[in-house]
Protein backbone atom coordinates (compact mmCIF):
# COMPACT_ATOMS: atom_id res chain seq x y z
CA MET A 1 -61.68 5.40 -30.68
CA SER A 2 -60.16 5.32 -34.12
CA GLY A 3 -62.65 6.15 -36.85
CA GLU A 4 -65.09 8.08 -34.66
CA VAL A 5 -66.29 11.46 -35.88
CA GLU A 6 -66.61 14.09 -33.19
CA PRO A 7 -69.32 16.79 -33.36
CA GLY A 8 -68.11 19.73 -35.38
CA GLU A 9 -65.46 17.77 -37.25
CA PRO A 10 -65.58 17.44 -41.04
CA GLY A 11 -68.03 14.72 -41.95
CA SER A 12 -70.03 14.91 -38.73
CA ALA A 13 -72.98 16.56 -40.48
CA ASP A 14 -73.03 13.76 -43.03
CA VAL A 15 -73.02 11.13 -40.28
CA ARG A 16 -75.81 12.94 -38.51
CA GLY A 17 -77.83 13.14 -41.68
CA ARG A 18 -77.44 9.42 -42.33
CA LEU A 19 -78.55 8.62 -38.78
CA ILE A 20 -81.62 10.80 -39.17
CA GLY A 21 -82.40 9.17 -42.49
CA PHE A 22 -81.94 5.70 -41.01
CA LEU A 23 -84.40 6.34 -38.18
CA ALA A 24 -86.95 8.17 -40.30
CA GLY A 25 -86.77 5.46 -42.93
CA ARG A 26 -87.86 2.82 -40.43
CA VAL A 27 -91.05 4.64 -39.50
CA ALA A 28 -94.14 2.97 -40.93
CA PRO A 29 -97.03 4.94 -42.44
CA ASP A 30 -98.97 4.60 -39.17
CA GLY A 31 -96.08 6.18 -37.21
CA ARG A 32 -94.56 3.22 -35.43
CA LEU A 33 -90.87 2.45 -35.78
CA LEU A 34 -90.38 -0.99 -37.31
CA ASP A 35 -87.63 -3.13 -35.89
CA ALA A 36 -87.11 -6.63 -34.55
CA CYS A 37 -85.08 -8.08 -31.69
CA GLU A 38 -82.27 -10.48 -32.56
CA SER A 39 -82.13 -14.13 -31.58
CA ARG A 40 -80.87 -14.99 -28.11
CA ILE A 41 -79.30 -18.17 -26.77
CA LEU A 42 -81.60 -18.60 -23.76
CA GLU A 43 -84.90 -18.55 -25.63
CA SER A 44 -83.53 -20.54 -28.56
CA ALA A 45 -82.26 -23.25 -26.19
CA LEU A 46 -85.58 -23.39 -24.32
CA PHE A 47 -87.48 -23.72 -27.57
CA LEU A 48 -85.18 -26.49 -28.80
CA ARG A 49 -85.58 -28.31 -25.47
CA LEU A 50 -89.35 -28.09 -25.72
CA LEU A 51 -89.47 -29.36 -29.30
CA GLN A 52 -87.20 -32.24 -28.34
CA ALA A 53 -89.42 -33.15 -25.39
CA GLU A 54 -92.52 -33.07 -27.59
CA ASP A 55 -90.70 -34.90 -30.39
CA THR A 56 -91.95 -32.45 -32.99
CA GLY A 57 -90.63 -29.93 -35.52
CA PRO A 58 -87.51 -31.72 -36.79
CA GLY A 59 -86.75 -28.91 -39.25
CA GLU A 60 -86.99 -26.30 -36.54
CA GLN A 61 -84.84 -28.40 -34.27
CA ARG A 62 -82.11 -28.50 -36.92
CA ALA A 63 -82.31 -24.75 -37.47
CA LEU A 64 -82.15 -24.04 -33.75
CA THR A 65 -79.22 -26.39 -33.32
CA GLU A 66 -77.37 -24.69 -36.16
CA TYR A 67 -78.02 -21.29 -34.62
CA LEU A 68 -76.77 -22.41 -31.22
CA THR A 69 -73.70 -24.06 -32.75
CA MET A 70 -72.72 -20.78 -34.40
CA ALA A 71 -73.71 -18.57 -31.45
CA GLU A 72 -71.08 -17.12 -29.13
CA PRO A 73 -72.19 -16.73 -25.49
CA VAL A 74 -71.34 -13.33 -24.07
CA ASP A 75 -71.84 -14.13 -20.39
CA GLU A 76 -71.38 -17.07 -18.04
CA GLY A 77 -75.07 -17.86 -17.62
CA SER A 78 -75.62 -18.02 -21.37
CA ALA A 79 -72.50 -20.17 -21.79
CA ILE A 80 -73.78 -22.71 -19.25
CA ILE A 81 -77.18 -22.99 -20.98
CA TRP A 82 -75.58 -23.03 -24.44
CA ALA A 83 -73.36 -25.96 -23.52
CA ALA A 84 -76.24 -27.88 -21.94
CA ALA A 85 -78.48 -27.33 -24.97
CA LEU A 86 -75.78 -28.76 -27.22
CA GLY A 87 -75.41 -31.85 -25.04
CA HIS A 88 -72.66 -30.82 -22.62
CA PRO A 89 -74.35 -30.02 -19.28
CA ASP A 90 -72.10 -29.04 -16.37
CA PRO A 91 -74.10 -29.02 -13.10
CA ALA A 92 -71.05 -28.08 -11.02
CA ARG A 93 -70.43 -25.01 -13.15
CA ALA A 94 -74.12 -24.12 -12.87
CA ASP A 95 -73.96 -24.44 -9.07
CA ARG A 96 -70.98 -22.09 -8.91
CA PHE A 97 -72.79 -19.56 -11.05
CA ARG A 98 -75.96 -19.69 -8.93
CA ALA A 99 -73.90 -19.22 -5.77
CA THR A 100 -72.58 -15.88 -7.00
CA PHE A 101 -75.58 -14.66 -9.01
CA THR A 102 -77.27 -11.48 -7.80
CA HIS A 103 -79.94 -9.25 -9.26
CA SER A 104 -81.90 -6.22 -8.07
CA THR A 105 -85.15 -8.24 -8.16
CA GLY A 106 -83.77 -10.68 -5.60
CA GLU A 107 -85.61 -13.97 -5.08
CA ARG A 108 -87.72 -13.73 -8.24
CA LYS A 109 -84.71 -13.79 -10.54
CA GLN A 110 -83.14 -16.56 -8.49
CA VAL A 111 -86.27 -18.66 -9.02
CA LEU A 112 -86.18 -17.97 -12.75
CA LEU A 113 -82.54 -19.02 -12.94
CA ALA A 114 -83.16 -22.20 -10.94
CA THR A 115 -86.13 -23.08 -13.15
CA VAL A 116 -84.20 -22.63 -16.38
CA PHE A 117 -81.25 -24.65 -15.08
CA ALA A 118 -83.61 -27.40 -13.93
CA LEU A 119 -85.15 -27.61 -17.41
CA PHE A 120 -81.66 -28.46 -18.75
CA GLY A 121 -80.83 -30.96 -16.01
CA LEU A 122 -78.41 -28.56 -14.33
CA ALA A 123 -80.32 -28.51 -11.03
CA PRO A 124 -82.89 -30.82 -9.40
CA MET A 125 -86.40 -29.89 -10.54
CA ALA A 126 -87.83 -31.21 -7.28
CA ASP A 127 -85.81 -28.59 -5.36
CA LEU A 128 -87.66 -25.68 -6.92
CA PRO A 129 -89.31 -23.70 -4.10
CA VAL A 130 -93.01 -22.99 -3.87
CA VAL A 131 -93.37 -19.21 -4.18
CA PRO A 132 -96.37 -16.86 -4.15
CA TYR A 133 -96.84 -15.27 -7.54
CA GLY A 134 -99.63 -12.74 -7.10
CA GLY A 135 -99.02 -9.00 -7.14
CA GLN A 136 -96.21 -9.07 -9.68
CA ALA A 137 -95.83 -7.99 -13.29
CA LEU A 138 -97.92 -10.20 -15.56
CA TRP A 139 -95.02 -12.22 -16.96
CA THR A 140 -93.42 -12.59 -13.55
CA GLU A 141 -96.63 -14.07 -12.23
CA LEU A 142 -96.70 -16.52 -15.14
CA VAL A 143 -93.06 -17.58 -14.71
CA LEU A 144 -93.37 -18.08 -10.94
CA CYS A 145 -96.59 -20.06 -11.41
CA ALA A 146 -94.87 -22.21 -14.05
CA SER A 147 -91.98 -22.82 -11.65
CA ASN A 148 -94.41 -23.98 -8.97
CA ILE A 149 -96.07 -26.36 -11.43
CA LEU A 150 -92.75 -27.82 -12.61
CA GLY A 151 -91.49 -28.31 -9.06
CA ALA A 152 -94.74 -29.91 -7.92
CA HIS A 153 -94.74 -32.25 -10.92
CA ALA A 154 -91.20 -33.38 -10.12
CA ARG A 155 -92.34 -34.14 -6.57
CA GLY A 156 -95.31 -36.15 -7.83
CA ARG A 157 -97.90 -33.52 -6.94
CA SER A 158 -100.14 -31.03 -8.71
CA ASP A 159 -102.13 -27.91 -7.90
CA PRO A 160 -105.29 -27.44 -10.00
CA GLU A 161 -105.44 -23.74 -9.17
CA ASP A 162 -101.92 -23.15 -10.48
CA GLN A 163 -102.69 -25.15 -13.59
CA ALA A 164 -105.90 -23.24 -14.26
CA PHE A 165 -104.14 -19.91 -13.75
CA LEU A 166 -101.35 -20.77 -16.18
CA ALA A 167 -103.62 -22.23 -18.87
CA GLY A 168 -106.00 -19.29 -18.63
CA ARG A 169 -103.23 -16.75 -18.98
CA LEU A 170 -101.66 -18.52 -21.93
CA ALA A 171 -104.95 -18.80 -23.78
CA THR A 172 -105.51 -15.04 -23.82
CA GLY A 173 -102.81 -14.42 -26.41
CA THR A 174 -101.46 -17.73 -27.58
CA LEU A 175 -104.63 -18.78 -29.37
CA LEU A 176 -104.32 -15.59 -31.43
CA GLY A 177 -100.97 -16.79 -32.75
CA ARG A 178 -98.70 -14.54 -30.68
CA PRO A 179 -96.41 -15.20 -27.71
CA TRP A 180 -98.18 -14.26 -24.53
CA GLN A 181 -97.81 -10.52 -23.83
CA GLY A 182 -95.07 -10.49 -26.48
CA ASN A 183 -92.69 -12.09 -23.97
CA VAL A 184 -91.11 -15.15 -25.61
CA LEU A 185 -89.13 -16.13 -22.51
CA ALA A 186 -92.12 -16.21 -20.16
CA HIS A 187 -94.18 -17.91 -22.87
CA LEU A 188 -91.64 -20.73 -23.31
CA ILE A 189 -91.27 -21.42 -19.59
CA ALA A 190 -95.06 -21.53 -19.30
CA LEU A 191 -95.23 -24.04 -22.19
CA HIS A 192 -92.71 -26.29 -20.41
CA ALA A 193 -95.02 -26.26 -17.38
CA LEU A 194 -98.15 -26.72 -19.52
CA ARG A 195 -96.88 -29.96 -21.02
CA THR A 196 -96.72 -31.53 -17.52
CA PHE A 197 -100.52 -31.58 -17.35
CA GLU A 198 -101.73 -31.00 -20.96
CA PRO A 199 -99.21 -32.78 -23.21
CA LYS A 200 -99.99 -32.78 -26.91
CA GLY A 201 -102.96 -30.46 -26.25
CA ALA A 202 -104.31 -27.74 -28.53
CA LEU A 203 -103.04 -24.94 -26.31
CA LEU A 204 -99.52 -26.37 -26.32
CA GLY A 205 -99.64 -26.72 -30.09
CA ALA A 206 -100.80 -23.15 -30.51
CA GLY A 207 -98.09 -22.00 -28.13
CA LEU A 208 -95.37 -23.74 -30.13
CA ALA A 209 -96.69 -22.20 -33.33
CA ALA A 210 -96.64 -18.75 -31.75
CA VAL A 211 -92.95 -19.13 -30.88
CA SER A 212 -92.21 -20.43 -34.38
CA GLY A 213 -93.62 -17.19 -35.72
CA THR A 214 -90.86 -15.23 -33.98
CA ARG A 215 -87.96 -17.16 -35.54
CA ARG A 216 -85.29 -15.01 -37.09
CA PRO A 217 -83.40 -15.68 -40.33
CA ASP A 218 -80.50 -17.15 -38.33
CA GLY A 219 -82.80 -19.89 -37.00
CA GLY A 220 -83.03 -18.64 -33.42
CA VAL A 221 -85.76 -16.89 -31.48
CA PRO A 222 -85.60 -13.60 -29.52
CA PHE A 223 -86.34 -12.59 -25.95
CA VAL A 224 -89.35 -10.51 -27.02
CA GLY A 225 -91.06 -10.26 -30.36
CA SER A 226 -91.18 -6.46 -30.54
CA GLN A 227 -90.44 -3.28 -28.63
CA ASP A 228 -92.39 -1.02 -30.95
CA VAL A 229 -93.67 1.38 -28.28
CA TYR A 230 -90.33 1.85 -26.57
CA LEU A 231 -88.34 2.16 -29.80
CA THR A 232 -90.81 4.60 -31.36
CA ALA A 233 -90.67 6.83 -28.29
CA MET A 234 -86.88 6.75 -28.07
CA ALA A 235 -86.39 7.41 -31.78
CA GLY A 236 -88.99 10.15 -31.59
CA ILE A 237 -87.16 11.87 -28.73
CA ALA A 238 -83.95 11.85 -30.79
CA LEU A 239 -85.59 13.14 -33.96
CA ALA A 240 -87.57 15.81 -32.11
CA ALA A 241 -84.41 17.04 -30.38
CA CYS A 242 -82.60 17.59 -33.67
CA GLY A 243 -85.59 19.35 -35.28
CA GLU A 244 -85.54 17.18 -38.39
CA ARG A 245 -88.38 15.47 -40.30
CA PRO A 246 -91.20 17.19 -38.35
CA GLU A 247 -93.90 15.46 -40.37
CA VAL A 248 -92.46 12.05 -39.49
CA VAL A 249 -92.09 13.03 -35.83
CA ALA A 250 -95.69 14.24 -35.67
CA ARG A 251 -96.89 10.94 -37.12
CA MET A 252 -94.84 9.03 -34.57
CA ALA A 253 -96.28 11.11 -31.73
CA ASP A 254 -99.84 10.47 -32.89
CA TRP A 255 -99.16 6.74 -32.96
CA ILE A 256 -97.68 6.80 -29.45
CA ALA A 257 -100.70 8.71 -28.18
CA SER A 258 -103.03 6.13 -29.75
CA ALA A 259 -101.14 3.28 -28.04
CA GLN A 260 -101.86 4.59 -24.54
CA LEU A 261 -103.57 1.97 -22.37
CA PRO A 262 -106.61 2.52 -20.11
CA ASP A 263 -104.57 3.23 -16.96
CA GLY A 264 -102.90 6.16 -18.73
CA ALA A 265 -99.60 4.38 -19.25
CA TRP A 266 -97.76 2.34 -21.88
CA GLY A 267 -96.05 -1.03 -22.09
CA TYR A 268 -92.95 -1.86 -24.08
CA CYS A 269 -94.96 -3.10 -27.09
CA THR A 270 -98.49 -3.14 -28.43
CA GLU A 271 -98.84 -6.85 -27.65
CA THR A 272 -98.80 -6.32 -23.89
CA VAL A 273 -101.22 -4.77 -21.45
CA GLN A 274 -98.57 -4.64 -18.72
CA THR A 275 -97.74 -0.97 -18.31
CA ASP A 276 -94.60 0.35 -16.65
CA VAL A 277 -92.90 3.54 -15.52
CA ASP A 278 -90.00 3.23 -17.96
CA ASP A 279 -92.00 3.21 -21.19
CA THR A 280 -94.56 5.68 -19.87
CA SER A 281 -91.85 8.17 -18.95
CA ARG A 282 -90.29 7.95 -22.39
CA CYS A 283 -93.65 8.38 -24.11
CA VAL A 284 -94.52 11.45 -22.05
CA GLU A 285 -91.10 12.96 -22.69
CA PHE A 286 -91.61 12.46 -26.42
CA LEU A 287 -95.15 13.83 -26.57
CA ARG A 288 -94.23 16.87 -24.51
CA ALA A 289 -91.30 17.59 -26.81
CA VAL A 290 -93.45 17.39 -29.95
CA ASP A 291 -96.78 19.06 -29.17
CA PRO A 292 -97.88 19.25 -25.52
CA GLY A 293 -101.04 21.10 -26.50
CA ARG A 294 -102.21 18.52 -29.00
CA HIS A 295 -101.48 15.68 -26.60
CA GLN A 296 -102.45 17.42 -23.37
CA ALA A 297 -105.13 14.92 -22.33
CA VAL A 298 -102.83 11.98 -22.98
CA ILE A 299 -100.00 13.60 -21.02
CA MET A 300 -102.23 14.46 -18.07
CA ALA A 301 -103.50 10.87 -17.86
CA ALA A 302 -99.93 9.61 -17.91
CA GLU A 303 -98.91 12.05 -15.19
CA ARG A 304 -101.69 10.69 -12.97
CA TYR A 305 -100.38 7.18 -13.53
CA LEU A 306 -96.81 8.18 -12.72
CA THR A 307 -97.59 10.12 -9.55
CA GLY A 308 -99.68 7.18 -8.40
CA THR A 309 -96.69 4.82 -8.58
CA ALA A 310 -94.29 6.90 -6.46
CA GLY A 311 -93.08 5.06 -3.39
CA PRO A 312 -92.80 6.26 0.20
CA ASP A 313 -89.03 6.63 -0.26
CA GLY A 314 -89.60 9.09 -3.11
CA GLY A 315 -88.49 6.69 -5.82
CA PHE A 316 -90.40 4.93 -8.56
CA PRO A 317 -90.58 1.19 -9.34
CA THR A 318 -90.74 -0.40 -12.77
CA TYR A 319 -94.16 -1.99 -12.79
CA LEU A 320 -96.39 -1.69 -9.75
CA ALA A 321 -96.84 0.79 -6.92
CA GLY A 322 -95.35 -0.62 -3.75
CA HIS A 323 -92.54 -2.47 -5.52
CA PRO A 324 -88.94 -1.44 -4.70
CA SER A 325 -87.85 1.87 -6.21
CA GLU A 326 -85.11 2.02 -8.84
CA PRO A 327 -82.85 4.94 -9.81
CA ASP A 328 -83.36 4.52 -13.57
CA MET A 329 -87.15 4.46 -13.28
CA THR A 330 -87.11 7.39 -10.88
CA ALA A 331 -84.97 9.45 -13.23
CA GLY A 332 -87.38 8.79 -16.08
CA ALA A 333 -90.35 9.80 -13.96
CA VAL A 334 -88.64 13.06 -12.96
CA VAL A 335 -87.95 13.90 -16.60
CA ALA A 336 -91.53 13.09 -17.60
CA LEU A 337 -93.14 15.04 -14.76
CA SER A 338 -90.77 18.01 -14.83
CA GLY A 339 -92.92 19.81 -17.39
CA GLY A 340 -95.48 20.23 -14.61
CA TRP A 341 -93.09 20.86 -11.74
CA ASP A 342 -95.44 23.25 -9.96
CA ARG A 343 -98.22 20.65 -10.00
CA HIS A 344 -95.98 17.84 -8.80
CA ALA A 345 -93.46 19.70 -6.64
CA ASP A 346 -93.77 17.39 -3.65
CA VAL A 347 -93.47 14.22 -5.70
CA LEU A 348 -90.54 15.56 -7.69
CA GLY A 349 -88.73 16.91 -4.66
CA ALA A 350 -88.92 13.51 -2.99
CA ALA A 351 -87.76 11.82 -6.20
CA VAL A 352 -84.71 14.08 -6.47
CA GLU A 353 -83.87 13.39 -2.85
CA TYR A 354 -84.14 9.66 -3.55
CA LEU A 355 -81.80 9.92 -6.53
CA LEU A 356 -79.19 11.77 -4.50
CA GLY A 357 -79.17 8.95 -2.00
CA GLN A 358 -78.64 6.20 -4.58
CA GLY A 359 -75.25 7.06 -6.05
CA ARG A 360 -72.40 4.69 -5.34
CA ASP A 361 -68.94 5.79 -4.27
CA ASP A 362 -67.65 5.41 -7.82
CA GLY A 363 -70.44 7.59 -9.27
CA THR A 364 -72.49 4.75 -10.72
CA TYR A 365 -76.03 3.62 -9.95
CA GLU A 366 -77.83 0.30 -9.81
CA ARG A 367 -78.26 -0.72 -13.46
CA SER A 368 -81.64 -2.39 -12.96
CA TRP A 369 -82.78 -3.71 -16.36
CA THR A 370 -79.97 -2.40 -18.52
CA LEU A 371 -76.43 -3.62 -19.07
CA SER A 372 -75.22 -0.03 -19.49
CA GLU A 373 -74.04 1.85 -16.42
CA SER A 374 -73.57 5.00 -18.47
CA SER A 375 -77.20 4.86 -19.60
CA VAL A 376 -78.44 5.08 -16.02
CA ILE A 377 -75.93 7.81 -15.13
CA CYS A 378 -77.03 9.85 -18.13
CA HIS A 379 -80.67 9.39 -17.19
CA VAL A 380 -80.01 10.56 -13.63
CA LEU A 381 -78.07 13.57 -14.90
CA ASP A 382 -80.93 14.51 -17.15
CA ALA A 383 -83.40 14.20 -14.30
CA LEU A 384 -81.37 16.26 -11.83
CA HIS A 385 -80.83 18.92 -14.47
CA ARG A 386 -84.60 19.51 -14.48
CA ASP A 387 -84.59 20.78 -10.89
CA THR A 388 -84.17 24.47 -11.69
CA GLU A 389 -84.34 25.58 -8.05
CA GLY A 390 -82.12 22.84 -6.72
CA VAL A 391 -78.83 24.57 -7.38
CA GLU A 392 -79.77 27.64 -5.40
CA ARG A 393 -80.76 25.47 -2.46
CA MET A 394 -77.53 23.57 -2.94
CA MET A 395 -75.38 26.67 -2.78
CA ILE A 396 -77.16 27.97 0.29
CA LEU A 397 -76.45 24.68 2.03
CA MET A 398 -72.84 24.82 0.87
CA ASP A 399 -72.58 28.30 2.32
CA ARG A 400 -73.86 27.06 5.63
CA VAL A 401 -71.31 24.28 5.87
CA THR A 402 -68.49 26.57 4.71
CA THR A 403 -69.41 29.15 7.32
CA LEU A 404 -69.45 26.45 9.96
CA PHE A 405 -65.97 25.38 8.95
CA ILE A 406 -64.67 28.93 9.26
CA ARG A 407 -66.25 29.41 12.66
CA MET A 408 -64.95 26.06 13.85
CA ARG A 409 -61.50 26.85 12.49
CA ASP A 410 -61.37 30.18 14.30
CA ARG A 411 -62.43 28.62 17.59
CA LEU A 412 -59.99 25.72 17.28
CA ARG A 413 -57.05 27.99 16.51
CA LEU A 414 -57.67 29.73 19.82
CA ARG A 415 -58.22 26.57 21.82
CA ARG A 416 -55.82 24.17 20.13
CA PRO A 417 -52.72 25.91 18.77
CA ASP A 418 -51.26 22.48 18.08
CA LEU A 419 -53.84 22.04 15.31
CA THR A 420 -52.74 25.09 13.32
CA HIS A 421 -50.85 23.03 10.74
CA TYR A 422 -53.74 20.57 10.44
CA LEU A 423 -56.28 23.36 9.92
CA SER A 424 -54.12 25.10 7.30
CA GLY A 425 -53.79 21.92 5.30
CA LEU A 426 -57.51 21.28 5.54
CA GLU A 427 -58.29 24.82 4.44
CA HIS A 428 -56.07 24.49 1.37
CA TYR A 429 -57.71 21.17 0.52
CA ILE A 430 -61.18 22.67 0.70
CA GLY A 431 -60.19 25.77 -1.20
CA GLY A 432 -58.48 23.77 -3.92
CA SER A 433 -61.51 21.55 -4.38
CA LEU A 434 -63.87 24.47 -4.69
CA ASP A 435 -61.57 26.46 -6.96
CA TRP A 436 -61.25 23.47 -9.28
CA ALA A 437 -65.00 23.03 -9.43
CA LEU A 438 -65.54 26.72 -10.11
CA THR A 439 -63.08 26.83 -12.99
CA SER A 440 -63.30 23.35 -14.54
CA ASP A 441 -64.75 23.05 -18.03
CA ARG A 442 -66.75 20.13 -16.72
CA TYR A 443 -68.83 22.58 -14.69
CA LEU A 444 -68.61 25.78 -16.67
CA TYR A 445 -69.63 24.35 -20.04
CA LEU A 446 -72.74 22.42 -21.00
CA ASP A 447 -70.76 19.90 -23.04
CA GLY A 448 -67.95 19.68 -20.49
CA GLN A 449 -65.42 20.54 -23.17
CA GLY A 450 -65.46 24.32 -23.43
CA GLY A 451 -67.63 24.40 -26.52
CA SER A 452 -71.01 25.55 -25.22
CA PRO A 453 -70.74 27.87 -22.22
CA ALA A 454 -73.24 27.46 -19.45
CA PHE A 455 -72.80 31.16 -18.77
CA GLU A 456 -72.12 33.95 -21.21
CA PRO A 457 -69.77 36.83 -20.30
CA GLY A 458 -71.54 39.65 -18.56
CA GLY A 459 -74.13 37.44 -16.93
CA GLY A 460 -76.10 36.45 -20.02
CA ALA A 461 -77.17 32.82 -19.81
CA SER A 462 -77.01 30.25 -22.55
CA PRO A 463 -80.31 28.58 -23.50
CA ARG A 464 -80.04 25.95 -20.74
CA ALA A 465 -78.75 28.25 -18.00
CA THR A 466 -80.82 30.69 -15.97
CA THR A 467 -78.33 32.45 -13.72
CA PRO A 468 -74.91 34.10 -13.95
CA PRO A 469 -71.78 32.18 -12.94
CA ILE A 470 -70.42 32.01 -9.43
CA ARG A 471 -67.12 33.78 -8.96
CA PRO A 472 -64.94 33.30 -5.88
CA PRO A 473 -65.30 36.36 -3.64
CA SER A 474 -62.34 38.12 -2.04
CA ARG A 475 -61.38 38.40 1.59
CA PRO A 476 -59.14 40.85 3.46
CA SER A 477 -55.48 39.97 3.25
CA PRO A 478 -53.81 39.00 6.51
CA GLY A 479 -51.76 42.19 6.55
CA GLY A 480 -54.71 44.49 6.04
CA GLY A 481 -55.55 46.36 2.88
CA GLY A 482 -56.07 44.71 -0.45
CA THR A 483 -57.67 41.35 -0.99
CA THR A 484 -56.68 37.77 -1.59
CA PRO A 485 -58.70 34.98 -3.17
CA ALA A 486 -61.17 33.37 -0.80
CA HIS A 487 -60.76 29.92 -2.33
CA GLY A 488 -64.42 29.81 -3.27
CA PHE A 489 -65.62 30.02 0.33
CA GLY A 490 -69.03 31.60 0.55
CA VAL A 491 -71.21 33.08 -2.11
CA ASP A 492 -73.00 36.38 -1.73
CA HIS A 493 -76.45 35.43 -2.91
CA GLY A 494 -77.42 39.09 -2.99
CA ARG A 495 -75.23 39.48 -6.10
CA GLN A 496 -74.56 36.01 -7.42
CA ARG A 497 -76.70 32.91 -7.73
CA SER A 498 -75.89 29.35 -8.56
CA GLY A 499 -75.91 28.18 -12.17
CA SER A 500 -77.43 25.27 -13.98
CA ARG A 501 -74.13 23.42 -14.38
CA ILE A 502 -72.54 24.01 -10.98
CA ALA A 503 -73.52 22.27 -7.77
CA PHE A 504 -71.56 21.24 -4.75
CA LEU A 505 -71.87 18.91 -1.85
CA ALA A 506 -69.65 19.53 1.14
CA TRP A 507 -69.95 16.88 3.80
CA SER A 508 -68.01 16.05 6.89
CA THR A 509 -67.22 13.17 9.20
CA PRO A 510 -65.77 13.50 12.71
CA ASP A 511 -62.04 12.96 12.86
CA SER A 512 -61.06 11.10 15.99
CA SER A 513 -57.50 12.42 15.72
CA VAL A 514 -58.74 15.89 16.67
CA GLY A 515 -59.91 14.61 20.01
CA SER A 516 -62.82 16.17 21.85
CA CYS A 517 -63.09 19.03 19.40
CA SER A 518 -64.13 16.65 16.56
CA MET A 519 -63.04 18.84 13.67
CA ALA A 520 -64.48 18.29 10.20
CA SER A 521 -62.04 16.02 8.41
CA ARG A 522 -63.46 15.57 4.95
CA PHE A 523 -64.87 18.19 2.55
CA CYS A 524 -65.54 17.26 -1.06
CA SER A 525 -66.76 19.03 -4.15
CA ILE A 526 -69.08 16.74 -6.10
CA ASN A 527 -70.00 16.39 -9.77
CA ALA A 528 -72.22 18.99 -11.38
CA TRP A 529 -74.96 16.47 -11.84
CA LEU A 530 -75.63 16.49 -8.10
CA ARG A 531 -78.00 19.42 -8.53
CA VAL A 532 -79.13 19.41 -4.94
CA THR A 533 -77.66 17.80 -1.90
CA LYS A 534 -78.76 15.44 0.80
CA GLY A 535 -80.33 18.08 2.98
CA ARG A 536 -80.62 15.74 5.90
CA ILE A 537 -76.83 15.20 6.00
CA LEU A 538 -76.02 18.88 5.88
CA ALA A 539 -78.80 19.80 8.30
CA SER A 540 -77.55 17.18 10.74
CA TYR A 541 -73.98 18.41 10.39
CA ALA A 542 -75.03 22.04 10.79
CA ALA A 543 -76.90 21.21 13.97
CA LYS A 544 -73.96 19.28 15.43
CA ALA A 545 -71.43 21.93 14.50
CA ALA A 546 -73.54 24.73 15.91
CA SER A 547 -73.96 22.75 19.10
CA TRP A 548 -70.23 22.10 19.37
CA PHE A 549 -68.96 25.60 18.75
CA GLY A 550 -71.74 28.08 19.30
CA ALA A 551 -72.04 31.42 17.58
CA VAL A 552 -68.52 32.62 16.82
CA ASP A 553 -68.76 36.18 15.61
CA SER A 554 -65.61 36.42 13.52
CA SER A 555 -64.74 38.90 10.81
CA ALA A 556 -63.63 36.02 8.58
CA ALA A 557 -67.05 34.39 8.82
CA ARG A 558 -68.79 37.66 7.97
CA THR A 559 -66.45 38.21 5.02
CA TYR A 560 -66.67 34.72 3.63
CA ALA A 561 -70.40 34.10 3.83
CA PRO A 562 -72.59 37.12 4.51
CA THR A 563 -75.73 35.33 3.37
CA SER A 564 -75.12 32.24 5.45
CA ALA A 565 -74.55 34.35 8.53
CA ARG A 566 -78.20 35.39 8.26
CA LEU A 567 -79.53 31.96 7.30
CA VAL A 568 -77.93 29.70 9.90
CA PRO A 569 -79.06 29.93 13.52
CA TRP A 570 -76.23 29.66 15.99
CA PRO A 571 -77.53 28.52 19.39
CA ASP A 572 -75.38 29.27 22.39
CA ASN A 573 -73.91 26.06 23.76
CA GLY A 574 -73.13 27.62 27.11
CA GLU A 575 -69.46 28.25 26.35
CA GLY A 576 -69.84 31.97 25.73
CA GLN A 577 -69.67 33.99 22.54
């Protein structure tokens, strides 16, 4: 974009220095990074609605109305609520939005959306479903309980247990003058439910005052009051990576260590006791980067928390063990635990396998809690980069599949001369893909632009690489004597090993056009960030291919992949050698 300064260009050092100064300047004497979330339409509208229902705070109502009038919704859901808060509800538009709304949390987010719409007259309150709310994150429990109370009230009923649960939860923080668990959204929805059975009560008054304390200069209120733990950890990671302001970074690390909660984890702010994988992973990453010896006990406790949340599928959830795994959380856990890979090899191996199974066809991942697809991709890349042994396993598996192709090709040429043209085209496609991957800057350089080589000439590795580059071997020319390029087929692991920026996945699907021979029809080279492959896919393919074609002892196979010839068993399928 116009006006951007690229690294290494004139002025980039000045920009970097200003960024460092900006972050360091926001660090308080105790080490926490001071910042505040901006106002948001949803919470501001809910607060205005509540004040109107209680007929209180006329000055605040005016300020909130002015904020909403000036606000510009950035998404359809916010636009629907914004219009309703300003006196222009559109139930039909809300129904259309609900019909197409999806979220990774499924029913829980649907209930939240229905509850908010009902509070603005956009959906019938009496239609809110009764849902169990135990076993969730603290604020999710509170919101679902509030939804049950609101729905029951609209139906002319009440549940004393739900009411006692909600009032008890609110009292733990609200009476201290802060939104409950620092979550303004959950706090406001709970206050709407509270007023159905304790209108004008002391707890409701204290709850309104707590929200008033979060108002921003523009008159609105934010989603959460603070993210001091998360922001301090993230800023600390950035400052530690650039090696600047070590005294500030050390102070930040000490503050993060002091904010650890009894279960060994962290929440997003110091006002909550709800811990999560995301914040814990960031905190561990930061502490390990600064002084792992000084913070060893804190890091070890956090590692115990993280390993205890891993799911049976290898992934990690956000909040509680047993909840659905998420790519972003799993990537963070891999990064955090990678400093003790030997201690957590099984957990990390399963997590890497989970990540490799989560990529979409376009290279993206489920965004989970963030609006940024690139953020999740970057996190996954960082995680997969930590698997230092993965690339070698990857290349061995690639060798196996490549050898299978060569053996299958040789057998098919003998049995099906009519497929010669097909096989030649397929061979060129595979070779071109591998050659491109072996020579592309995207794979050969750490920055993907040719500036920082992953491999130094002569086999010396750059700081983030551990092995020499892979070079395409040669094979005998058809006419005998001399050699011709082997298109990247096969890697002699006795001389060359895979590098930290190169990884491949070659997969196949049966092609019905080949008939009974079922030749491999699709081979792909995949991005460098796929450090290791889906072993189950390649193992399954290797088993099928070996079963189909047996052990073909060809000179081409021996030339292309000497290592794979020893690694892959070739059972006789009864068709002869």
